[in-house]
PDB file of all heavy atoms in Angstrom:
ATOM      1  N   GLY A   1      30.275 -80.609  30.495  1.00  0.00           N
ATOM      2  CA  GLY A   1      29.675 -80.973  29.216  1.00  0.00           C
ATOM      3  C   GLY A   1      28.186 -81.252  29.295  1.00  0.00           C
ATOM      4  O   GLY A   1      27.566 -81.213  30.367  1.00  0.00           O
ATOM      5  N   GLY A   2      27.616 -81.558  28.158  1.00  0.00           N
ATOM      6  CA  GLY A   2      26.180 -81.826  28.085  1.00  0.00           C
ATOM      7  C   GLY A   2      25.739 -81.946  26.635  1.00  0.00           C
ATOM      8  O   GLY A   2      26.560 -81.950  25.710  1.00  0.00           O
ATOM      9  N   ILE A   3      24.436 -82.029  26.435  1.00  0.00           N
ATOM     10  CA  ILE A   3      23.873 -82.200  25.094  1.00  0.00           C
ATOM     11  C   ILE A   3      22.701 -81.237  24.914  1.00  0.00           C
ATOM     12  O   ILE A   3      21.772 -81.223  25.727  1.00  0.00           O
ATOM     13  CB  ILE A   3      23.390 -83.641  24.864  1.00  0.00           C
ATOM     14  CG1 ILE A   3      24.566 -84.623  25.011  1.00  0.00           C
ATOM     15  CG2 ILE A   3      22.745 -83.781  23.485  1.00  0.00           C
ATOM     16  CD1 ILE A   3      24.146 -86.079  24.954  1.00  0.00           C
ATOM     17  N   VAL A   4      22.773 -80.442  23.852  1.00  0.00           N
ATOM     18  CA  VAL A   4      21.640 -79.607  23.441  1.00  0.00           C
ATOM     19  C   VAL A   4      21.004 -80.269  22.226  1.00  0.00           C
ATOM     20  O   VAL A   4      21.669 -80.460  21.204  1.00  0.00           O
ATOM     21  CB  VAL A   4      22.087 -78.178  23.084  1.00  0.00           C
ATOM     22  CG1 VAL A   4      20.900 -77.375  22.536  1.00  0.00           C
ATOM     23  CG2 VAL A   4      22.684 -77.472  24.294  1.00  0.00           C
ATOM     24  N   LEU A   5      19.751 -80.651  22.338  1.00  0.00           N
ATOM     25  CA  LEU A   5      19.019 -81.156  21.185  1.00  0.00           C
ATOM     26  C   LEU A   5      18.327 -79.981  20.511  1.00  0.00           C
ATOM     27  O   LEU A   5      17.449 -79.334  21.100  1.00  0.00           O
ATOM     28  CB  LEU A   5      17.979 -82.202  21.608  1.00  0.00           C
ATOM     29  CG  LEU A   5      18.506 -83.467  22.276  1.00  0.00           C
ATOM     30  CD1 LEU A   5      17.379 -84.470  22.446  1.00  0.00           C
ATOM     31  CD2 LEU A   5      19.663 -84.080  21.507  1.00  0.00           C
ATOM     32  N   TYR A   6      18.756 -79.682  19.284  1.00  0.00           N
ATOM     33  CA  TYR A   6      18.173 -78.562  18.533  1.00  0.00           C
ATOM     34  C   TYR A   6      17.123 -79.153  17.589  1.00  0.00           C
ATOM     35  O   TYR A   6      17.441 -79.790  16.591  1.00  0.00           O
ATOM     36  CB  TYR A   6      19.252 -77.819  17.754  1.00  0.00           C
ATOM     37  CG  TYR A   6      18.800 -76.459  17.278  1.00  0.00           C
ATOM     38  CD1 TYR A   6      18.769 -75.369  18.152  1.00  0.00           C
ATOM     39  CD2 TYR A   6      18.391 -76.263  15.967  1.00  0.00           C
ATOM     40  CE1 TYR A   6      18.353 -74.119  17.722  1.00  0.00           C
ATOM     41  CE2 TYR A   6      17.974 -75.016  15.529  1.00  0.00           C
ATOM     42  CZ  TYR A   6      17.956 -73.946  16.416  1.00  0.00           C
ATOM     43  OH  TYR A   6      17.525 -72.703  15.994  1.00  0.00           O
ATOM     44  N   LEU A   7      15.863 -78.955  17.956  1.00  0.00           N
ATOM     45  CA  LEU A   7      14.742 -79.655  17.342  1.00  0.00           C
ATOM     46  C   LEU A   7      13.978 -78.745  16.380  1.00  0.00           C
ATOM     47  O   LEU A   7      13.659 -77.600  16.718  1.00  0.00           O
ATOM     48  CB  LEU A   7      13.797 -80.179  18.434  1.00  0.00           C
ATOM     49  CG  LEU A   7      14.486 -80.987  19.550  1.00  0.00           C
ATOM     50  CD1 LEU A   7      13.493 -81.331  20.640  1.00  0.00           C
ATOM     51  CD2 LEU A   7      15.127 -82.246  18.980  1.00  0.00           C
ATOM     52  N   ASP A   8      13.666 -79.273  15.231  1.00  0.00           N
ATOM     53  CA  ASP A   8      12.962 -78.497  14.209  1.00  0.00           C
ATOM     54  C   ASP A   8      11.468 -78.454  14.550  1.00  0.00           C
ATOM     55  O   ASP A   8      10.653 -79.175  13.974  1.00  0.00           O
ATOM     56  CB  ASP A   8      13.188 -79.120  12.837  1.00  0.00           C
ATOM     57  CG  ASP A   8      12.678 -78.247  11.703  1.00  0.00           C
ATOM     58  OD1 ASP A   8      12.066 -77.199  11.984  1.00  0.00           O
ATOM     59  OD2 ASP A   8      12.882 -78.611  10.531  1.00  0.00           O
ATOM     60  N   GLN A   9      11.146 -77.586  15.520  1.00  0.00           N
ATOM     61  CA  GLN A   9       9.760 -77.461  16.008  1.00  0.00           C
ATOM     62  C   GLN A   9       9.406 -75.984  16.169  1.00  0.00           C
ATOM     63  O   GLN A   9       8.957 -75.541  17.224  1.00  0.00           O
ATOM     64  CB  GLN A   9       9.602 -78.175  17.348  1.00  0.00           C
ATOM     65  CG  GLN A   9       9.859 -79.670  17.296  1.00  0.00           C
ATOM     66  CD  GLN A   9       9.711 -80.314  18.658  1.00  0.00           C
ATOM     67  OE1 GLN A   9      10.205 -79.812  19.675  1.00  0.00           O
ATOM     68  NE2 GLN A   9       9.030 -81.428  18.711  1.00  0.00           N
ATOM     69  N   GLU A  10       9.642 -75.227  15.129  1.00  0.00           N
ATOM     70  CA  GLU A  10       9.420 -73.778  15.170  1.00  0.00           C
ATOM     71  C   GLU A  10       8.006 -73.450  15.647  1.00  0.00           C
ATOM     72  O   GLU A  10       7.038 -74.117  15.275  1.00  0.00           O
ATOM     73  CB  GLU A  10       9.631 -73.200  13.774  1.00  0.00           C
ATOM     74  CG  GLU A  10       9.597 -71.704  13.683  1.00  0.00           C
ATOM     75  CD  GLU A  10      10.919 -71.046  14.054  1.00  0.00           C
ATOM     76  OE1 GLU A  10      11.972 -71.529  13.624  1.00  0.00           O
ATOM     77  OE2 GLU A  10      10.883 -70.029  14.777  1.00  0.00           O
ATOM     78  N   GLY A  11       7.903 -72.416  16.478  1.00  0.00           N
ATOM     79  CA  GLY A  11       6.590 -71.935  16.906  1.00  0.00           C
ATOM     80  C   GLY A  11       5.797 -72.933  17.716  1.00  0.00           C
ATOM     81  O   GLY A  11       4.601 -73.087  17.504  1.00  0.00           O
ATOM     82  N   ARG A  12       6.458 -73.624  18.653  1.00  0.00           N
ATOM     83  CA  ARG A  12       5.823 -74.681  19.463  1.00  0.00           C
ATOM     84  C   ARG A  12       5.198 -75.759  18.578  1.00  0.00           C
ATOM     85  O   ARG A  12       4.146 -76.308  18.887  1.00  0.00           O
ATOM     86  CB  ARG A  12       4.792 -74.093  20.437  1.00  0.00           C
ATOM     87  CG  ARG A  12       5.412 -73.316  21.598  1.00  0.00           C
ATOM     88  CD  ARG A  12       4.400 -73.010  22.692  1.00  0.00           C
ATOM     89  NE  ARG A  12       3.397 -72.070  22.281  1.00  0.00           N
ATOM     90  CZ  ARG A  12       3.476 -70.746  22.407  1.00  0.00           C
ATOM     91  NH1 ARG A  12       4.554 -70.203  22.930  1.00  0.00           N
ATOM     92  NH2 ARG A  12       2.501 -69.961  22.011  1.00  0.00           N
ATOM     93  N   GLY A  13       5.870 -76.042  17.467  1.00  0.00           N
ATOM     94  CA  GLY A  13       5.411 -77.096  16.571  1.00  0.00           C
ATOM     95  C   GLY A  13       4.450 -76.633  15.494  1.00  0.00           C
ATOM     96  O   GLY A  13       4.008 -77.443  14.673  1.00  0.00           O
ATOM     97  N   ASN A  14       4.133 -75.338  15.441  1.00  0.00           N
ATOM     98  CA  ASN A  14       3.160 -74.835  14.468  1.00  0.00           C
ATOM     99  C   ASN A  14       3.789 -74.505  13.121  1.00  0.00           C
ATOM    100  O   ASN A  14       3.068 -74.353  12.130  1.00  0.00           O
ATOM    101  CB  ASN A  14       2.469 -73.574  15.004  1.00  0.00           C
ATOM    102  CG  ASN A  14       1.758 -73.818  16.314  1.00  0.00           C
ATOM    103  OD1 ASN A  14       1.437 -74.954  16.640  1.00  0.00           O
ATOM    104  ND2 ASN A  14       1.519 -72.774  17.078  1.00  0.00           N
ATOM    105  N   GLY A  15       5.108 -74.371  13.067  1.00  0.00           N
ATOM    106  CA  GLY A  15       5.780 -74.009  11.826  1.00  0.00           C
ATOM    107  C   GLY A  15       6.018 -72.514  11.720  1.00  0.00           C
ATOM    108  O   GLY A  15       5.357 -71.700  12.375  1.00  0.00           O
ATOM    109  N   LEU A  16       6.979 -72.144  10.896  1.00  0.00           N
ATOM    110  CA  LEU A  16       7.400 -70.742  10.811  1.00  0.00           C
ATOM    111  C   LEU A  16       6.298 -69.833  10.289  1.00  0.00           C
ATOM    112  O   LEU A  16       6.083 -68.734  10.817  1.00  0.00           O
ATOM    113  CB  LEU A  16       8.640 -70.637   9.917  1.00  0.00           C
ATOM    114  CG  LEU A  16       9.222 -69.235   9.738  1.00  0.00           C
ATOM    115  CD1 LEU A  16       9.631 -68.633  11.070  1.00  0.00           C
ATOM    116  CD2 LEU A  16      10.406 -69.276   8.774  1.00  0.00           C
ATOM    117  N   ALA A  17       5.589 -70.246   9.243  1.00  0.00           N
ATOM    118  CA  ALA A  17       4.547 -69.383   8.678  1.00  0.00           C
ATOM    119  C   ALA A  17       3.467 -69.086   9.711  1.00  0.00           C
ATOM    120  O   ALA A  17       3.013 -67.937   9.848  1.00  0.00           O
ATOM    121  CB  ALA A  17       3.936 -70.030   7.436  1.00  0.00           C
ATOM    122  N   ASN A  18       3.050 -70.109  10.446  1.00  0.00           N
ATOM    123  CA  ASN A  18       2.024 -69.893  11.470  1.00  0.00           C
ATOM    124  C   ASN A  18       2.565 -69.087  12.647  1.00  0.00           C
ATOM    125  O   ASN A  18       1.819 -68.326  13.272  1.00  0.00           O
ATOM    126  CB  ASN A  18       1.481 -71.238  11.942  1.00  0.00           C
ATOM    127  CG  ASN A  18       0.614 -71.897  10.896  1.00  0.00           C
ATOM    128  OD1 ASN A  18      -0.211 -71.251  10.253  1.00  0.00           O
ATOM    129  ND2 ASN A  18       0.796 -73.194  10.695  1.00  0.00           N
ATOM    130  N   LYS A  19       3.838 -69.254  12.966  1.00  0.00           N
ATOM    131  CA  LYS A  19       4.431 -68.440  14.025  1.00  0.00           C
ATOM    132  C   LYS A  19       4.373 -66.956  13.658  1.00  0.00           C
ATOM    133  O   LYS A  19       4.031 -66.117  14.502  1.00  0.00           O
ATOM    134  CB  LYS A  19       5.882 -68.873  14.249  1.00  0.00           C
ATOM    135  CG  LYS A  19       6.653 -67.990  15.212  1.00  0.00           C
ATOM    136  CD  LYS A  19       8.080 -68.496  15.363  1.00  0.00           C
ATOM    137  CE  LYS A  19       8.932 -67.550  16.168  1.00  0.00           C
ATOM    138  NZ  LYS A  19      10.293 -68.075  16.383  1.00  0.00           N
ATOM    139  N   ILE A  20       4.688 -66.635  12.407  1.00  0.00           N
ATOM    140  CA  ILE A  20       4.647 -65.230  11.994  1.00  0.00           C
ATOM    141  C   ILE A  20       3.209 -64.729  11.932  1.00  0.00           C
ATOM    142  O   ILE A  20       2.921 -63.564  12.251  1.00  0.00           O
ATOM    143  CB  ILE A  20       5.370 -65.053  10.649  1.00  0.00           C
ATOM    144  CG1 ILE A  20       6.849 -65.453  10.790  1.00  0.00           C
ATOM    145  CG2 ILE A  20       5.263 -63.620  10.152  1.00  0.00           C
ATOM    146  CD1 ILE A  20       7.610 -64.714  11.882  1.00  0.00           C
ATOM    147  N   ARG A  21       2.270 -65.606  11.546  1.00  0.00           N
ATOM    148  CA  ARG A  21       0.858 -65.218  11.644  1.00  0.00           C
ATOM    149  C   ARG A  21       0.498 -64.875  13.090  1.00  0.00           C
ATOM    150  O   ARG A  21      -0.214 -63.911  13.358  1.00  0.00           O
ATOM    151  CB  ARG A  21      -0.034 -66.354  11.157  1.00  0.00           C
ATOM    152  CG  ARG A  21      -0.045 -66.578   9.652  1.00  0.00           C
ATOM    153  CD  ARG A  21      -1.013 -67.697   9.281  1.00  0.00           C
ATOM    154  NE  ARG A  21      -1.134 -67.859   7.843  1.00  0.00           N
ATOM    155  CZ  ARG A  21      -0.840 -68.962   7.166  1.00  0.00           C
ATOM    156  NH1 ARG A  21      -0.412 -70.043   7.828  1.00  0.00           N
ATOM    157  NH2 ARG A  21      -0.973 -69.028   5.861  1.00  0.00           N
ATOM    158  N   ALA A  22       0.984 -65.690  14.021  1.00  0.00           N
ATOM    159  CA  ALA A  22       0.702 -65.439  15.434  1.00  0.00           C
ATOM    160  C   ALA A  22       1.355 -64.142  15.901  1.00  0.00           C
ATOM    161  O   ALA A  22       0.772 -63.397  16.710  1.00  0.00           O
ATOM    162  CB  ALA A  22       1.188 -66.616  16.281  1.00  0.00           C
ATOM    163  N   TYR A  23       2.544 -63.850  15.409  1.00  0.00           N
ATOM    164  CA  TYR A  23       3.196 -62.584  15.766  1.00  0.00           C
ATOM    165  C   TYR A  23       2.359 -61.391  15.306  1.00  0.00           C
ATOM    166  O   TYR A  23       2.272 -60.373  15.993  1.00  0.00           O
ATOM    167  CB  TYR A  23       4.587 -62.520  15.128  1.00  0.00           C
ATOM    168  CG  TYR A  23       5.690 -63.151  15.943  1.00  0.00           C
ATOM    169  CD1 TYR A  23       5.419 -63.937  17.070  1.00  0.00           C
ATOM    170  CD2 TYR A  23       7.020 -62.979  15.589  1.00  0.00           C
ATOM    171  CE1 TYR A  23       6.429 -64.524  17.800  1.00  0.00           C
ATOM    172  CE2 TYR A  23       8.050 -63.558  16.323  1.00  0.00           C
ATOM    173  CZ  TYR A  23       7.743 -64.325  17.423  1.00  0.00           C
ATOM    174  OH  TYR A  23       8.756 -64.891  18.145  1.00  0.00           O
ATOM    175  N   ASP A  24       1.757 -61.519  14.125  1.00  0.00           N
ATOM    176  CA  ASP A  24       0.894 -60.442  13.638  1.00  0.00           C
ATOM    177  C   ASP A  24      -0.288 -60.228  14.587  1.00  0.00           C
ATOM    178  O   ASP A  24      -0.657 -59.083  14.893  1.00  0.00           O
ATOM    179  CB  ASP A  24       0.404 -60.780  12.229  1.00  0.00           C
ATOM    180  CG  ASP A  24      -0.574 -59.747  11.697  1.00  0.00           C
ATOM    181  OD1 ASP A  24      -0.204 -58.563  11.597  1.00  0.00           O
ATOM    182  OD2 ASP A  24      -1.725 -60.115  11.387  1.00  0.00           O
ATOM    183  N   LEU A  25      -0.868 -61.327  15.074  1.00  0.00           N
ATOM    184  CA  LEU A  25      -1.977 -61.207  16.013  1.00  0.00           C
ATOM    185  C   LEU A  25      -1.505 -60.646  17.355  1.00  0.00           C
ATOM    186  O   LEU A  25      -2.234 -59.892  18.010  1.00  0.00           O
ATOM    187  CB  LEU A  25      -2.642 -62.573  16.212  1.00  0.00           C
ATOM    188  CG  LEU A  25      -3.288 -63.188  14.964  1.00  0.00           C
ATOM    189  CD1 LEU A  25      -3.919 -64.528  15.300  1.00  0.00           C
ATOM    190  CD2 LEU A  25      -4.318 -62.247  14.357  1.00  0.00           C
ATOM    191  N   GLN A  26      -0.287 -61.002  17.770  1.00  0.00           N
ATOM    192  CA  GLN A  26       0.245 -60.437  19.008  1.00  0.00           C
ATOM    193  C   GLN A  26       0.432 -58.928  18.868  1.00  0.00           C
ATOM    194  O   GLN A  26       0.221 -58.177  19.834  1.00  0.00           O
ATOM    195  CB  GLN A  26       1.564 -61.108  19.366  1.00  0.00           C
ATOM    196  CG  GLN A  26       1.412 -62.556  19.819  1.00  0.00           C
ATOM    197  CD  GLN A  26       2.744 -63.243  19.982  1.00  0.00           C
ATOM    198  OE1 GLN A  26       3.674 -62.708  20.579  1.00  0.00           O
ATOM    199  NE2 GLN A  26       2.865 -64.453  19.444  1.00  0.00           N
ATOM    200  N   ALA A  27       0.816 -58.472  17.696  1.00  0.00           N
ATOM    201  CA  ALA A  27       0.969 -57.033  17.463  1.00  0.00           C
ATOM    202  C   ALA A  27      -0.362 -56.311  17.568  1.00  0.00           C
ATOM    203  O   ALA A  27      -0.397 -55.090  17.757  1.00  0.00           O
ATOM    204  CB  ALA A  27       1.600 -56.795  16.094  1.00  0.00           C
ATOM    205  N   ARG A  28      -1.458 -57.094  17.465  1.00  0.00           N
ATOM    206  CA  ARG A  28      -2.801 -56.503  17.588  1.00  0.00           C
ATOM    207  C   ARG A  28      -3.405 -56.724  18.969  1.00  0.00           C
ATOM    208  O   ARG A  28      -4.595 -56.497  19.169  1.00  0.00           O
ATOM    209  CB  ARG A  28      -3.713 -57.084  16.512  1.00  0.00           C
ATOM    210  CG  ARG A  28      -3.313 -56.652  15.111  1.00  0.00           C
ATOM    211  CD  ARG A  28      -4.373 -57.025  14.115  1.00  0.00           C
ATOM    212  NE  ARG A  28      -3.974 -58.132  13.266  1.00  0.00           N
ATOM    213  CZ  ARG A  28      -4.799 -58.803  12.479  1.00  0.00           C
ATOM    214  NH1 ARG A  28      -6.077 -58.483  12.446  1.00  0.00           N
ATOM    215  NH2 ARG A  28      -4.361 -59.791  11.737  1.00  0.00           N
ATOM    216  N   GLY A  29      -2.581 -57.194  19.929  1.00  0.00           N
ATOM    217  CA  GLY A  29      -3.022 -57.208  21.317  1.00  0.00           C
ATOM    218  C   GLY A  29      -3.174 -58.563  21.972  1.00  0.00           C
ATOM    219  O   GLY A  29      -3.397 -58.642  23.179  1.00  0.00           O
ATOM    220  N   LEU A  30      -3.067 -59.674  21.229  1.00  0.00           N
ATOM    221  CA  LEU A  30      -3.220 -60.997  21.831  1.00  0.00           C
ATOM    222  C   LEU A  30      -1.894 -61.448  22.433  1.00  0.00           C
ATOM    223  O   LEU A  30      -0.823 -61.046  21.967  1.00  0.00           O
ATOM    224  CB  LEU A  30      -3.679 -62.016  20.785  1.00  0.00           C
ATOM    225  CG  LEU A  30      -5.182 -62.069  20.470  1.00  0.00           C
ATOM    226  CD1 LEU A  30      -5.666 -60.768  19.881  1.00  0.00           C
ATOM    227  CD2 LEU A  30      -5.482 -63.229  19.517  1.00  0.00           C
ATOM    228  N   ASP A  31      -1.968 -62.276  23.488  1.00  0.00           N
ATOM    229  CA  ASP A  31      -0.720 -62.855  23.984  1.00  0.00           C
ATOM    230  C   ASP A  31      -0.361 -64.073  23.131  1.00  0.00           C
ATOM    231  O   ASP A  31      -1.099 -64.461  22.216  1.00  0.00           O
ATOM    232  CB  ASP A  31      -0.782 -63.174  25.483  1.00  0.00           C
ATOM    233  CG  ASP A  31      -1.650 -64.380  25.843  1.00  0.00           C
ATOM    234  OD1 ASP A  31      -1.825 -65.304  25.010  1.00  0.00           O
ATOM    235  OD2 ASP A  31      -2.162 -64.420  26.985  1.00  0.00           O
ATOM    236  N   THR A  32       0.777 -64.697  23.404  1.00  0.00           N
ATOM    237  CA  THR A  32       1.282 -65.768  22.537  1.00  0.00           C
ATOM    238  C   THR A  32       0.324 -66.951  22.431  1.00  0.00           C
ATOM    239  O   THR A  32       0.146 -67.528  21.357  1.00  0.00           O
ATOM    240  CB  THR A  32       2.676 -66.240  23.029  1.00  0.00           C
ATOM    241  OG1 THR A  32       3.145 -67.284  22.167  1.00  0.00           O
ATOM    242  CG2 THR A  32       2.643 -66.752  24.466  1.00  0.00           C
ATOM    243  N   TYR A  33      -0.340 -67.317  23.533  1.00  0.00           N
ATOM    244  CA  TYR A  33      -1.258 -68.457  23.495  1.00  0.00           C
ATOM    245  C   TYR A  33      -2.604 -68.059  22.888  1.00  0.00           C
ATOM    246  O   TYR A  33      -3.218 -68.851  22.159  1.00  0.00           O
ATOM    247  CB  TYR A  33      -1.446 -69.031  24.891  1.00  0.00           C
ATOM    248  CG  TYR A  33      -0.174 -69.651  25.424  1.00  0.00           C
ATOM    249  CD1 TYR A  33       0.546 -69.044  26.445  1.00  0.00           C
ATOM    250  CD2 TYR A  33       0.328 -70.826  24.887  1.00  0.00           C
ATOM    251  CE1 TYR A  33       1.727 -69.594  26.921  1.00  0.00           C
ATOM    252  CE2 TYR A  33       1.508 -71.390  25.353  1.00  0.00           C
ATOM    253  CZ  TYR A  33       2.206 -70.763  26.369  1.00  0.00           C
ATOM    254  OH  TYR A  33       3.378 -71.312  26.826  1.00  0.00           O
ATOM    255  N   GLU A  34      -3.073 -66.841  23.171  1.00  0.00           N
ATOM    256  CA  GLU A  34      -4.309 -66.361  22.548  1.00  0.00           C
ATOM    257  C   GLU A  34      -4.159 -66.313  21.032  1.00  0.00           C
ATOM    258  O   GLU A  34      -5.089 -66.666  20.292  1.00  0.00           O
ATOM    259  CB  GLU A  34      -4.659 -64.975  23.081  1.00  0.00           C
ATOM    260  CG  GLU A  34      -5.084 -64.957  24.538  1.00  0.00           C
ATOM    261  CD  GLU A  34      -5.155 -63.549  25.105  1.00  0.00           C
ATOM    262  OE1 GLU A  34      -4.574 -62.621  24.491  1.00  0.00           O
ATOM    263  OE2 GLU A  34      -5.775 -63.383  26.175  1.00  0.00           O
ATOM    264  N   ALA A  35      -2.985 -65.883  20.564  1.00  0.00           N
ATOM    265  CA  ALA A  35      -2.755 -65.801  19.125  1.00  0.00           C
ATOM    266  C   ALA A  35      -2.775 -67.195  18.494  1.00  0.00           C
ATOM    267  O   ALA A  35      -3.394 -67.405  17.440  1.00  0.00           O
ATOM    268  CB  ALA A  35      -1.422 -65.114  18.854  1.00  0.00           C
ATOM    269  N   ASP A  36      -2.121 -68.158  19.135  1.00  0.00           N
ATOM    270  CA  ASP A  36      -2.138 -69.522  18.602  1.00  0.00           C
ATOM    271  C   ASP A  36      -3.551 -70.093  18.594  1.00  0.00           C
ATOM    272  O   ASP A  36      -3.962 -70.760  17.637  1.00  0.00           O
ATOM    273  CB  ASP A  36      -1.226 -70.421  19.441  1.00  0.00           C
ATOM    274  CG  ASP A  36       0.246 -70.228  19.112  1.00  0.00           C
ATOM    275  OD1 ASP A  36       0.554 -69.491  18.150  1.00  0.00           O
ATOM    276  OD2 ASP A  36       1.087 -70.803  19.829  1.00  0.00           O
ATOM    277  N   GLU A  37      -4.306 -69.842  19.655  1.00  0.00           N
ATOM    278  CA  GLU A  37      -5.679 -70.344  19.712  1.00  0.00           C
ATOM    279  C   GLU A  37      -6.543 -69.709  18.630  1.00  0.00           C
ATOM    280  O   GLU A  37      -7.403 -70.374  18.042  1.00  0.00           O
ATOM    281  CB  GLU A  37      -6.260 -70.067  21.097  1.00  0.00           C
ATOM    282  CG  GLU A  37      -5.646 -70.946  22.186  1.00  0.00           C
ATOM    283  CD  GLU A  37      -6.021 -70.492  23.589  1.00  0.00           C
ATOM    284  OE1 GLU A  37      -6.594 -69.388  23.722  1.00  0.00           O
ATOM    285  OE2 GLU A  37      -5.726 -71.227  24.542  1.00  0.00           O
ATOM    286  N   ALA A  38      -6.330 -68.427  18.343  1.00  0.00           N
ATOM    287  CA  ALA A  38      -7.099 -67.765  17.290  1.00  0.00           C
ATOM    288  C   ALA A  38      -6.840 -68.403  15.928  1.00  0.00           C
ATOM    289  O   ALA A  38      -7.703 -68.396  15.050  1.00  0.00           O
ATOM    290  CB  ALA A  38      -6.758 -66.276  17.245  1.00  0.00           C
ATOM    291  N   LEU A  39      -5.650 -68.982  15.758  1.00  0.00           N
ATOM    292  CA  LEU A  39      -5.316 -69.673  14.508  1.00  0.00           C
ATOM    293  C   LEU A  39      -5.776 -71.128  14.499  1.00  0.00           C
ATOM    294  O   LEU A  39      -5.701 -71.798  13.461  1.00  0.00           O
ATOM    295  CB  LEU A  39      -3.810 -69.620  14.275  1.00  0.00           C
ATOM    296  CG  LEU A  39      -3.217 -68.228  14.015  1.00  0.00           C
ATOM    297  CD1 LEU A  39      -1.696 -68.295  14.007  1.00  0.00           C
ATOM    298  CD2 LEU A  39      -3.744 -67.648  12.713  1.00  0.00           C
ATOM    299  N   GLY A  40      -6.206 -71.633  15.671  1.00  0.00           N
ATOM    300  CA  GLY A  40      -6.701 -73.005  15.741  1.00  0.00           C
ATOM    301  C   GLY A  40      -5.792 -73.976  16.458  1.00  0.00           C
ATOM    302  O   GLY A  40      -6.052 -75.177  16.455  1.00  0.00           O
ATOM    303  N   PHE A  41      -4.733 -73.471  17.097  1.00  0.00           N
ATOM    304  CA  PHE A  41      -3.786 -74.354  17.769  1.00  0.00           C
ATOM    305  C   PHE A  41      -4.058 -74.427  19.268  1.00  0.00           C
ATOM    306  O   PHE A  41      -4.569 -73.485  19.870  1.00  0.00           O
ATOM    307  CB  PHE A  41      -2.352 -73.844  17.564  1.00  0.00           C
ATOM    308  CG  PHE A  41      -1.904 -73.872  16.131  1.00  0.00           C
ATOM    309  CD1 PHE A  41      -1.795 -72.692  15.403  1.00  0.00           C
ATOM    310  CD2 PHE A  41      -1.619 -75.067  15.501  1.00  0.00           C
ATOM    311  CE1 PHE A  41      -1.389 -72.699  14.083  1.00  0.00           C
ATOM    312  CE2 PHE A  41      -1.217 -75.098  14.170  1.00  0.00           C
ATOM    313  CZ  PHE A  41      -1.099 -73.911  13.463  1.00  0.00           C
ATOM    314  N   GLY A  42      -3.661 -75.559  19.861  1.00  0.00           N
ATOM    315  CA  GLY A  42      -3.685 -75.692  21.305  1.00  0.00           C
ATOM    316  C   GLY A  42      -2.466 -75.023  21.920  1.00  0.00           C
ATOM    317  O   GLY A  42      -1.704 -74.320  21.251  1.00  0.00           O
ATOM    318  N   LEU A  43      -2.251 -75.278  23.225  1.00  0.00           N
ATOM    319  CA  LEU A  43      -1.136 -74.628  23.914  1.00  0.00           C
ATOM    320  C   LEU A  43       0.206 -75.029  23.322  1.00  0.00           C
ATOM    321  O   LEU A  43       1.134 -74.216  23.265  1.00  0.00           O
ATOM    322  CB  LEU A  43      -1.160 -74.976  25.405  1.00  0.00           C
ATOM    323  CG  LEU A  43      -2.231 -74.303  26.264  1.00  0.00           C
ATOM    324  CD1 LEU A  43      -2.093 -74.731  27.712  1.00  0.00           C
ATOM    325  CD2 LEU A  43      -2.139 -72.770  26.150  1.00  0.00           C
ATOM    326  N   ASP A  44       0.351 -76.267  22.892  1.00  0.00           N
ATOM    327  CA  ASP A  44       1.661 -76.731  22.441  1.00  0.00           C
ATOM    328  C   ASP A  44       1.453 -77.966  21.576  1.00  0.00           C
ATOM    329  O   ASP A  44       0.845 -78.943  22.007  1.00  0.00           O
ATOM    330  CB  ASP A  44       2.532 -77.080  23.658  1.00  0.00           C
ATOM    331  CG  ASP A  44       4.015 -77.120  23.329  1.00  0.00           C
ATOM    332  OD1 ASP A  44       4.363 -77.499  22.192  1.00  0.00           O
ATOM    333  OD2 ASP A  44       4.830 -76.793  24.215  1.00  0.00           O
ATOM    334  N   GLN A  45       1.961 -77.926  20.352  1.00  0.00           N
ATOM    335  CA  GLN A  45       1.813 -79.060  19.428  1.00  0.00           C
ATOM    336  C   GLN A  45       3.043 -79.971  19.387  1.00  0.00           C
ATOM    337  O   GLN A  45       3.092 -80.935  18.635  1.00  0.00           O
ATOM    338  CB  GLN A  45       1.549 -78.545  18.004  1.00  0.00           C
ATOM    339  CG  GLN A  45       0.082 -78.243  17.727  1.00  0.00           C
ATOM    340  CD  GLN A  45      -0.493 -77.211  18.673  1.00  0.00           C
ATOM    341  OE1 GLN A  45      -1.379 -77.523  19.465  1.00  0.00           O
ATOM    342  NE2 GLN A  45      -0.004 -75.983  18.616  1.00  0.00           N
ATOM    343  N   ARG A  46       4.050 -79.659  20.193  1.00  0.00           N
ATOM    344  CA  ARG A  46       5.306 -80.411  20.083  1.00  0.00           C
ATOM    345  C   ARG A  46       5.211 -81.803  20.698  1.00  0.00           C
ATOM    346  O   ARG A  46       4.474 -82.022  21.646  1.00  0.00           O
ATOM    347  CB  ARG A  46       6.436 -79.637  20.769  1.00  0.00           C
ATOM    348  CG  ARG A  46       6.821 -78.365  20.050  1.00  0.00           C
ATOM    349  CD  ARG A  46       7.830 -77.578  20.836  1.00  0.00           C
ATOM    350  NE  ARG A  46       7.271 -77.066  22.080  1.00  0.00           N
ATOM    351  CZ  ARG A  46       7.951 -76.340  22.966  1.00  0.00           C
ATOM    352  NH1 ARG A  46       9.219 -76.061  22.746  1.00  0.00           N
ATOM    353  NH2 ARG A  46       7.361 -75.917  24.064  1.00  0.00           N
TER     354      ARG A  46
END
């Protein structure tokens, strides 16, 4: 047994809309952290 905590922290805490914005930037060549930084986020907001 064990415990899985399912936490409402989509996109490393950036939210779903910003995660999809980051996906759009990844489709244009940025990696996941570069895309978040281009939007103004640090490595992890959680």
